[in-house]
N, C-alpha and C. Protein backbone atom coordinates (compact mmCIF):
# COMPACT_ATOMS: atom_id res chain seq x y z
N UNK A 1 -10.59 40.32 39.94
CA UNK A 1 -10.82 41.68 40.39
C UNK A 1 -10.25 41.89 41.79
N UNK A 2 -10.37 40.92 42.64
CA UNK A 2 -9.89 41.08 44.01
C UNK A 2 -8.39 41.30 44.04
N UNK A 3 -7.63 40.54 43.25
CA UNK A 3 -6.17 40.71 43.23
C UNK A 3 -5.81 42.13 42.79
N UNK A 4 -6.54 42.63 41.83
CA UNK A 4 -6.28 43.98 41.34
C UNK A 4 -6.50 45.00 42.44
N UNK A 5 -7.61 44.88 43.18
CA UNK A 5 -7.90 45.85 44.23
C UNK A 5 -6.87 45.74 45.36
N UNK A 6 -6.38 44.55 45.65
CA UNK A 6 -5.34 44.40 46.67
C UNK A 6 -4.04 45.05 46.20
N UNK A 7 -3.71 44.89 44.93
CA UNK A 7 -2.51 45.51 44.37
C UNK A 7 -2.60 47.04 44.47
N UNK A 8 -3.73 47.58 44.09
CA UNK A 8 -3.92 49.03 44.14
C UNK A 8 -3.84 49.51 45.59
N UNK A 9 -4.45 48.78 46.51
CA UNK A 9 -4.41 49.18 47.91
C UNK A 9 -2.97 49.17 48.44
N UNK A 10 -2.19 48.17 48.08
CA UNK A 10 -0.79 48.12 48.52
C UNK A 10 -0.02 49.31 47.96
N UNK A 11 -0.30 49.68 46.71
CA UNK A 11 0.38 50.84 46.11
C UNK A 11 0.00 52.12 46.85
N UNK A 12 -1.26 52.27 47.20
CA UNK A 12 -1.70 53.44 47.95
C UNK A 12 -1.01 53.48 49.31
N UNK A 13 -0.91 52.33 49.96
CA UNK A 13 -0.22 52.27 51.26
C UNK A 13 1.24 52.68 51.13
N UNK A 14 1.90 52.25 50.04
CA UNK A 14 3.30 52.62 49.83
C UNK A 14 3.45 54.13 49.65
N UNK A 15 2.57 54.73 48.88
CA UNK A 15 2.64 56.18 48.65
C UNK A 15 2.41 56.93 49.96
N UNK A 16 1.34 56.58 50.67
CA UNK A 16 1.03 57.26 51.93
C UNK A 16 2.11 56.98 52.97
N UNK A 17 2.59 55.74 53.03
CA UNK A 17 3.63 55.37 53.99
C UNK A 17 4.94 56.08 53.73
N UNK A 18 5.26 56.30 52.48
CA UNK A 18 6.49 57.00 52.12
C UNK A 18 6.47 58.44 52.65
N UNK A 19 5.35 59.11 52.50
CA UNK A 19 5.23 60.48 53.01
C UNK A 19 5.31 60.48 54.54
N UNK A 20 4.65 59.53 55.17
CA UNK A 20 4.64 59.47 56.63
C UNK A 20 6.03 59.16 57.18
N UNK A 21 6.76 58.23 56.54
CA UNK A 21 8.09 57.88 57.02
C UNK A 21 9.06 59.06 56.92
N UNK A 22 8.79 59.97 56.00
CA UNK A 22 9.61 61.18 55.85
C UNK A 22 9.05 62.35 56.66
N UNK A 23 8.00 62.05 57.42
CA UNK A 23 7.33 63.04 58.27
C UNK A 23 6.82 64.23 57.45
N UNK A 24 6.28 63.93 56.27
CA UNK A 24 5.75 64.97 55.39
C UNK A 24 4.22 64.97 55.45
N UNK A 25 3.62 66.07 55.83
CA UNK A 25 2.17 66.16 55.71
C UNK A 25 1.82 66.08 54.23
N UNK A 26 0.80 65.33 53.90
CA UNK A 26 0.50 65.13 52.48
C UNK A 26 -0.99 65.23 52.21
N UNK A 27 -1.31 65.80 51.07
CA UNK A 27 -2.69 65.92 50.62
C UNK A 27 -2.83 65.15 49.32
N UNK A 28 -3.95 64.48 49.16
CA UNK A 28 -4.17 63.60 48.02
C UNK A 28 -5.48 63.94 47.32
N UNK A 29 -5.63 63.50 46.07
CA UNK A 29 -6.84 63.84 45.32
C UNK A 29 -8.06 63.02 45.69
N UNK A 30 -7.87 61.86 46.36
CA UNK A 30 -9.01 61.01 46.66
C UNK A 30 -8.93 60.38 48.03
N UNK A 31 -10.07 60.02 48.60
CA UNK A 31 -10.12 59.47 49.96
C UNK A 31 -9.45 58.11 50.11
N UNK A 32 -9.27 57.39 49.03
CA UNK A 32 -8.64 56.07 49.14
C UNK A 32 -7.21 56.17 49.66
N UNK A 33 -6.52 57.28 49.38
CA UNK A 33 -5.17 57.50 49.92
C UNK A 33 -5.23 57.70 51.43
N UNK A 34 -6.24 58.40 51.90
CA UNK A 34 -6.39 58.64 53.33
C UNK A 34 -6.78 57.35 54.04
N UNK A 35 -7.60 56.54 53.40
CA UNK A 35 -7.93 55.23 53.94
C UNK A 35 -6.69 54.36 54.10
N UNK A 36 -5.72 54.57 53.22
CA UNK A 36 -4.48 53.79 53.25
C UNK A 36 -3.42 54.40 54.16
N UNK A 37 -3.73 55.50 54.86
CA UNK A 37 -2.80 56.09 55.80
C UNK A 37 -2.35 57.50 55.47
N UNK A 38 -2.83 58.09 54.39
CA UNK A 38 -2.50 59.47 54.06
C UNK A 38 -3.16 60.43 55.03
N UNK A 39 -2.72 61.67 55.03
CA UNK A 39 -3.22 62.66 55.98
C UNK A 39 -4.56 63.28 55.56
N UNK A 40 -4.64 63.76 54.32
CA UNK A 40 -5.77 64.59 53.92
C UNK A 40 -6.08 64.38 52.45
N UNK A 41 -7.35 64.39 52.13
CA UNK A 41 -7.72 64.41 50.72
C UNK A 41 -8.81 65.46 50.53
N UNK A 42 -8.80 66.04 49.37
CA UNK A 42 -9.83 67.02 49.05
C UNK A 42 -10.02 67.07 47.56
N UNK A 43 -11.25 67.00 47.14
CA UNK A 43 -11.51 67.04 45.71
C UNK A 43 -12.96 66.72 45.42
N UNK A 44 -13.24 66.61 44.16
CA UNK A 44 -14.59 66.31 43.72
C UNK A 44 -14.92 64.85 44.01
N UNK A 45 -16.16 64.57 44.40
CA UNK A 45 -16.58 63.18 44.57
C UNK A 45 -16.51 62.44 43.23
N UNK A 46 -16.37 61.13 43.30
CA UNK A 46 -16.23 60.32 42.09
C UNK A 46 -17.36 60.56 41.08
N UNK A 47 -18.60 60.64 41.54
CA UNK A 47 -19.70 60.83 40.59
C UNK A 47 -19.61 62.16 39.86
N UNK A 48 -19.15 63.21 40.55
CA UNK A 48 -18.95 64.50 39.88
C UNK A 48 -17.81 64.43 38.88
N UNK A 49 -16.74 63.71 39.22
CA UNK A 49 -15.61 63.57 38.30
C UNK A 49 -16.03 62.86 37.02
N UNK A 50 -16.83 61.81 37.17
CA UNK A 50 -17.29 61.09 35.98
C UNK A 50 -18.05 62.02 35.05
N UNK A 51 -18.93 62.84 35.61
CA UNK A 51 -19.71 63.73 34.75
C UNK A 51 -18.81 64.78 34.09
N UNK A 52 -17.79 65.24 34.81
CA UNK A 52 -16.85 66.20 34.21
C UNK A 52 -16.05 65.56 33.07
N UNK A 53 -15.67 64.29 33.23
CA UNK A 53 -14.96 63.60 32.16
C UNK A 53 -15.84 63.48 30.92
N UNK A 54 -17.12 63.15 31.11
CA UNK A 54 -18.02 63.05 29.97
C UNK A 54 -18.22 64.42 29.32
N UNK A 55 -18.32 65.45 30.14
CA UNK A 55 -18.48 66.80 29.59
C UNK A 55 -17.25 67.23 28.80
N UNK A 56 -16.08 66.74 29.19
CA UNK A 56 -14.87 67.11 28.45
C UNK A 56 -14.93 66.60 27.02
N UNK A 57 -15.57 65.46 26.80
CA UNK A 57 -15.74 64.96 25.43
C UNK A 57 -16.60 65.92 24.61
N UNK A 58 -17.60 66.49 25.25
CA UNK A 58 -18.44 67.48 24.57
C UNK A 58 -17.62 68.71 24.19
N UNK A 59 -16.70 69.11 25.05
CA UNK A 59 -15.83 70.26 24.76
C UNK A 59 -14.92 69.95 23.57
N UNK A 60 -14.36 68.75 23.54
CA UNK A 60 -13.51 68.36 22.41
C UNK A 60 -14.32 68.43 21.12
N UNK A 61 -15.54 67.91 21.16
CA UNK A 61 -16.40 67.94 19.98
C UNK A 61 -16.66 69.38 19.52
N UNK A 62 -16.95 70.27 20.47
CA UNK A 62 -17.23 71.66 20.11
C UNK A 62 -15.99 72.33 19.51
N UNK A 63 -14.82 72.03 20.06
CA UNK A 63 -13.58 72.61 19.54
C UNK A 63 -13.29 72.09 18.14
N UNK A 64 -13.48 70.79 17.94
CA UNK A 64 -13.25 70.21 16.61
C UNK A 64 -14.23 70.75 15.58
N UNK A 65 -15.37 71.21 16.02
CA UNK A 65 -16.36 71.79 15.11
C UNK A 65 -16.15 73.30 14.92
N UNK A 66 -15.09 73.85 15.53
CA UNK A 66 -14.75 75.24 15.26
C UNK A 66 -14.88 76.22 16.40
N UNK A 67 -15.37 75.78 17.55
CA UNK A 67 -15.50 76.71 18.69
C UNK A 67 -14.11 77.11 19.17
N UNK A 68 -14.01 78.35 19.63
CA UNK A 68 -12.73 78.83 20.16
C UNK A 68 -12.64 78.41 21.63
N UNK A 69 -11.58 77.69 22.02
CA UNK A 69 -11.45 77.21 23.40
C UNK A 69 -11.56 78.33 24.44
N UNK A 70 -11.02 79.50 24.15
CA UNK A 70 -11.07 80.61 25.10
C UNK A 70 -12.46 81.15 25.34
N UNK A 71 -13.40 80.83 24.45
CA UNK A 71 -14.76 81.31 24.60
C UNK A 71 -15.68 80.30 25.28
N UNK A 72 -15.18 79.09 25.55
CA UNK A 72 -16.00 78.08 26.21
C UNK A 72 -15.97 78.32 27.72
N UNK A 73 -17.10 78.12 28.39
CA UNK A 73 -17.14 78.35 29.84
C UNK A 73 -16.31 77.30 30.59
N UNK A 74 -15.74 77.70 31.70
CA UNK A 74 -14.98 76.78 32.55
C UNK A 74 -15.97 76.08 33.47
N UNK A 75 -15.86 74.76 33.55
CA UNK A 75 -16.74 74.00 34.44
C UNK A 75 -15.96 73.50 35.62
N UNK A 76 -16.62 73.47 36.76
CA UNK A 76 -16.02 72.99 38.00
C UNK A 76 -16.98 72.00 38.65
N UNK A 77 -16.45 71.16 39.53
CA UNK A 77 -17.35 70.26 40.27
C UNK A 77 -18.37 71.07 41.07
N UNK A 78 -19.53 70.48 41.26
CA UNK A 78 -20.57 71.16 42.03
C UNK A 78 -20.31 71.10 43.53
N UNK A 79 -19.56 70.09 43.95
CA UNK A 79 -19.24 69.97 45.37
C UNK A 79 -17.86 69.33 45.53
N UNK A 80 -17.31 69.49 46.71
CA UNK A 80 -16.01 68.94 47.05
C UNK A 80 -16.14 68.14 48.34
N UNK A 81 -15.28 67.15 48.51
CA UNK A 81 -15.27 66.35 49.73
C UNK A 81 -13.88 66.38 50.35
N UNK A 82 -13.84 66.46 51.69
CA UNK A 82 -12.58 66.44 52.41
C UNK A 82 -12.59 65.29 53.41
N UNK A 83 -11.48 64.53 53.42
CA UNK A 83 -11.30 63.44 54.37
C UNK A 83 -9.99 63.69 55.11
N UNK A 84 -10.01 63.49 56.43
CA UNK A 84 -8.83 63.71 57.28
C UNK A 84 -8.58 62.45 58.09
N UNK A 85 -7.30 62.05 58.19
CA UNK A 85 -6.91 60.89 58.99
C UNK A 85 -6.20 61.41 60.24
N UNK A 86 -6.89 61.37 61.38
CA UNK A 86 -6.33 61.88 62.63
C UNK A 86 -5.20 61.00 63.17
N UNK A 87 -5.26 59.70 62.89
CA UNK A 87 -4.17 58.84 63.34
C UNK A 87 -2.87 59.25 62.66
N UNK A 88 -2.93 59.57 61.38
CA UNK A 88 -1.75 60.04 60.66
C UNK A 88 -1.31 61.40 61.19
N UNK A 89 -2.27 62.28 61.46
CA UNK A 89 -1.93 63.60 62.01
C UNK A 89 -1.20 63.44 63.34
N UNK A 90 -1.66 62.53 64.19
CA UNK A 90 -1.00 62.30 65.48
C UNK A 90 0.41 61.75 65.29
N UNK A 91 0.62 60.92 64.27
CA UNK A 91 1.93 60.33 64.03
C UNK A 91 2.94 61.34 63.52
N UNK A 92 2.49 62.45 62.95
CA UNK A 92 3.44 63.39 62.32
C UNK A 92 4.24 64.26 63.30
N UNK A 93 3.93 64.77 64.37
CA UNK A 93 2.64 65.09 64.99
C UNK A 93 2.13 66.46 64.52
N UNK A 94 0.88 66.47 64.18
CA UNK A 94 0.19 67.70 63.77
C UNK A 94 -1.12 67.79 64.53
N UNK A 95 -1.51 68.99 64.85
CA UNK A 95 -2.85 69.16 65.41
C UNK A 95 -3.72 69.76 64.32
N UNK A 96 -4.88 69.17 64.16
CA UNK A 96 -5.83 69.65 63.15
C UNK A 96 -6.84 70.53 63.87
N UNK A 97 -6.97 71.79 63.48
CA UNK A 97 -7.92 72.69 64.16
C UNK A 97 -9.35 72.15 64.10
N UNK A 98 -10.09 72.40 65.16
CA UNK A 98 -11.48 71.96 65.24
C UNK A 98 -12.30 72.50 64.06
N UNK A 99 -12.00 73.73 63.63
CA UNK A 99 -12.75 74.32 62.51
C UNK A 99 -12.55 73.52 61.23
N UNK A 100 -11.36 72.94 61.04
CA UNK A 100 -11.11 72.11 59.86
C UNK A 100 -11.83 70.77 60.00
N UNK A 101 -11.79 70.19 61.20
CA UNK A 101 -12.48 68.92 61.42
C UNK A 101 -13.98 69.05 61.19
N UNK A 102 -14.55 70.19 61.58
CA UNK A 102 -15.99 70.39 61.38
C UNK A 102 -16.35 70.52 59.90
N UNK A 103 -15.42 70.99 59.09
CA UNK A 103 -15.67 71.12 57.65
C UNK A 103 -15.47 69.82 56.90
N UNK A 104 -14.76 68.88 57.50
CA UNK A 104 -14.46 67.61 56.83
C UNK A 104 -15.73 66.80 56.64
N UNK A 105 -15.81 66.13 55.50
CA UNK A 105 -16.93 65.23 55.24
C UNK A 105 -16.74 63.91 55.96
N UNK A 106 -15.48 63.58 56.24
CA UNK A 106 -15.17 62.31 56.89
C UNK A 106 -13.88 62.46 57.70
N UNK A 107 -13.89 61.95 58.93
CA UNK A 107 -12.72 61.97 59.79
C UNK A 107 -12.43 60.54 60.21
N UNK A 108 -11.20 60.10 59.96
CA UNK A 108 -10.78 58.75 60.35
C UNK A 108 -10.03 58.87 61.66
N UNK A 109 -10.53 58.17 62.68
CA UNK A 109 -9.93 58.23 64.00
C UNK A 109 -8.95 57.10 64.25
N UNK A 110 -9.05 56.03 63.48
CA UNK A 110 -8.13 54.90 63.62
C UNK A 110 -7.87 54.31 62.25
N UNK A 111 -6.79 53.53 62.16
CA UNK A 111 -6.42 52.94 60.88
C UNK A 111 -7.49 51.94 60.45
N UNK A 112 -7.82 51.96 59.19
CA UNK A 112 -8.82 51.07 58.64
C UNK A 112 -8.14 49.78 58.20
N UNK A 113 -8.78 48.66 58.47
CA UNK A 113 -8.24 47.37 58.03
C UNK A 113 -8.24 47.33 56.50
N UNK A 114 -7.32 46.56 55.93
CA UNK A 114 -7.21 46.47 54.46
C UNK A 114 -8.52 46.07 53.81
N UNK A 115 -9.21 45.10 54.40
CA UNK A 115 -10.43 44.60 53.78
C UNK A 115 -11.56 45.63 53.79
N UNK A 116 -11.46 46.62 54.68
CA UNK A 116 -12.51 47.63 54.78
C UNK A 116 -12.07 48.98 54.26
N UNK A 117 -10.98 49.02 53.50
CA UNK A 117 -10.40 50.29 53.09
C UNK A 117 -11.33 51.15 52.26
N UNK A 118 -12.26 50.56 51.55
CA UNK A 118 -13.16 51.35 50.71
C UNK A 118 -14.57 51.32 51.25
N UNK A 119 -14.71 51.13 52.57
CA UNK A 119 -16.03 51.02 53.18
C UNK A 119 -16.64 52.39 53.45
N UNK A 120 -17.72 52.39 54.19
CA UNK A 120 -18.43 53.61 54.51
C UNK A 120 -17.62 54.50 55.42
N UNK A 121 -17.96 55.78 55.51
CA UNK A 121 -17.21 56.72 56.36
C UNK A 121 -17.20 56.28 57.82
N UNK A 122 -16.07 56.54 58.50
CA UNK A 122 -15.99 56.23 59.91
C UNK A 122 -16.65 57.30 60.77
N UNK A 123 -16.77 58.51 60.24
CA UNK A 123 -17.40 59.61 60.98
C UNK A 123 -18.04 60.54 59.96
N UNK A 124 -19.34 60.43 59.74
CA UNK A 124 -19.99 61.31 58.76
C UNK A 124 -19.98 62.76 59.22
N UNK A 125 -20.07 63.64 58.25
CA UNK A 125 -20.09 65.08 58.52
C UNK A 125 -21.33 65.43 59.33
N UNK A 126 -21.16 66.28 60.37
CA UNK A 126 -22.32 66.67 61.21
C UNK A 126 -23.33 67.49 60.45
């Protein structure tokens, strides 16, 4: 399992590093990209995504039983999380408005070591 997680982390670093080397501000679907050096992530937390995936199976079942897809309600995550990497913003160089930083669930002020890439937030939301 450890080799797999190291491989995935290296791939995330390559994706985030590629955008940074081209001086492209980049947004990603999950915080692991920001931990690896990406600028910004925003999306549903993992636990909400899991429940949405399970609910999608229920939708498939309803459609196969004859429900019309256009009549089924649209479901969305109940909450969203935003992570910002200020070290990456400084390298681009971009200034992130204080109002955006205050809305972020997590702000990374320095690069995270590889071994701690999936650790707890460096700055919890106020």
